[in-house]
Amino acid sequence: MRKYEAIFILRPSIEEEKRVEAIEKFKAIISADGEIEKVEEWGNRKLAYEIEKIREGYYVLVHFNANPTLPKELERNFRISDDVIRYIVVNLEDK
């Protein structure tokens, strides 16, 4: 298993219940084939630049261990989610 780090930004306008539900969904995807080390919710922060006329987002950072196939599945789910405005998954062992 390899070490990964994922950060995703959720729309700031979604209600708290839906935000918690989205975070739990992504955690479940990781837990199904890997193990989560740490989840940090950074909260609402200003974006470096406007995305779809949105100026801030809810940041979530996840450190996890997984097989090499899991990041593609996680990115696919980020891509199809309407609540995620940006995401990135990084292999920490390549550094």
Protein backbone atom coordinates (compact mmCIF):
# COMPACT_ATOMS: atom_id res chain seq x y z
CA MET A 1 0.00 0.00 0.00
CA ARG A 2 1.17 3.50 -0.81
CA LYS A 3 0.76 6.79 1.03
CA TYR A 4 -1.51 9.40 -0.56
CA GLU A 5 -2.83 12.83 0.25
CA ALA A 6 -6.10 14.18 -1.14
CA ILE A 7 -7.42 17.67 -0.80
CA PHE A 8 -10.82 18.67 -2.08
CA ILE A 9 -12.80 21.89 -1.96
CA LEU A 10 -16.55 21.80 -1.47
CA ARG A 11 -18.97 24.58 -2.39
CA PRO A 12 -19.36 26.93 0.59
CA SER A 13 -23.10 27.26 -0.01
CA ILE A 14 -24.03 23.63 0.75
CA GLU A 15 -25.74 23.03 4.06
CA GLU A 16 -23.80 21.37 6.88
CA GLU A 17 -25.74 18.10 6.75
CA LYS A 18 -25.02 17.67 3.03
CA ARG A 19 -21.34 18.64 3.54
CA VAL A 20 -20.91 16.00 6.28
CA GLU A 21 -22.63 13.47 4.03
CA ALA A 22 -20.24 14.25 1.13
CA ILE A 23 -17.15 13.97 3.36
CA GLU A 24 -18.38 10.65 4.78
CA LYS A 25 -19.00 9.35 1.24
CA PHE A 26 -15.39 10.06 0.21
CA LYS A 27 -14.07 8.58 3.46
CA ALA A 28 -16.12 5.41 2.80
CA ILE A 29 -14.63 5.10 -0.71
CA ILE A 30 -11.12 5.29 0.75
CA SER A 31 -11.90 2.91 3.64
CA ALA A 32 -13.33 0.28 1.28
CA ASP A 33 -9.91 -0.43 -0.26
CA GLY A 34 -7.47 1.45 1.97
CA GLU A 35 -7.04 3.00 5.39
CA ILE A 36 -7.42 6.60 6.46
CA GLU A 37 -4.62 8.05 8.59
CA LYS A 38 -5.95 11.55 9.18
CA VAL A 39 -8.78 13.86 8.07
CA GLU A 40 -8.44 17.61 8.53
CA GLU A 41 -11.37 19.91 7.86
CA TRP A 42 -9.91 23.36 7.30
CA GLY A 43 -13.31 25.01 6.91
CA ASN A 44 -14.21 27.92 4.65
CA ARG A 45 -11.22 29.70 3.16
CA LYS A 46 -10.75 32.19 0.39
CA LEU A 47 -9.77 30.68 -2.95
CA ALA A 48 -6.62 31.85 -4.74
CA TYR A 49 -8.80 32.71 -7.76
CA GLU A 50 -12.49 32.66 -8.60
CA ILE A 51 -13.95 29.33 -9.76
CA GLU A 52 -17.39 29.49 -11.40
CA LYS A 53 -17.93 32.90 -9.70
CA ILE A 54 -17.23 31.35 -6.29
CA ARG A 55 -14.68 33.15 -4.12
CA GLU A 56 -14.34 30.73 -1.19
CA GLY A 57 -14.66 27.02 -0.50
CA TYR A 58 -14.73 24.43 2.28
CA TYR A 59 -11.33 22.68 2.32
CA VAL A 60 -10.83 19.05 3.42
CA LEU A 61 -7.44 17.28 3.58
CA VAL A 62 -7.21 13.48 3.85
CA HIS A 63 -4.05 11.41 4.40
CA PHE A 64 -4.50 7.73 3.55
CA ASN A 65 -2.81 4.46 2.55
CA ALA A 66 -4.20 2.57 -0.42
CA ASN A 67 -3.53 0.40 -3.43
CA PRO A 68 -2.50 2.21 -6.64
CA THR A 69 -5.97 1.77 -8.19
CA LEU A 70 -7.88 3.68 -5.49
CA PRO A 71 -6.84 7.26 -6.45
CA LYS A 72 -8.40 6.87 -9.92
CA GLU A 73 -11.70 5.73 -8.37
CA LEU A 74 -11.57 8.56 -5.83
CA GLU A 75 -10.89 11.15 -8.55
CA ARG A 76 -13.77 9.75 -10.61
CA ASN A 77 -16.10 10.30 -7.65
CA PHE A 78 -14.76 13.82 -7.07
CA ARG A 79 -15.35 14.61 -10.75
CA ILE A 80 -18.99 13.48 -10.78
CA SER A 81 -19.89 15.17 -7.50
CA ASP A 82 -21.67 18.52 -7.94
CA ASP A 83 -20.50 19.68 -4.50
CA VAL A 84 -16.75 19.42 -5.26
CA ILE A 85 -15.30 22.43 -7.09
CA ARG A 86 -11.60 21.37 -7.05
CA TYR A 87 -9.58 18.33 -5.96
CA ILE A 88 -6.13 16.79 -6.16
CA VAL A 89 -4.73 13.42 -5.09
CA VAL A 90 -0.96 13.17 -4.60
CA ASN A 91 1.27 10.13 -4.08
CA LEU A 92 3.48 11.11 -1.13
CA GLU A 93 6.07 8.42 -1.87
CA ASP A 94 7.05 10.04 -5.20
CA LYS A 95 8.58 13.04 -3.45
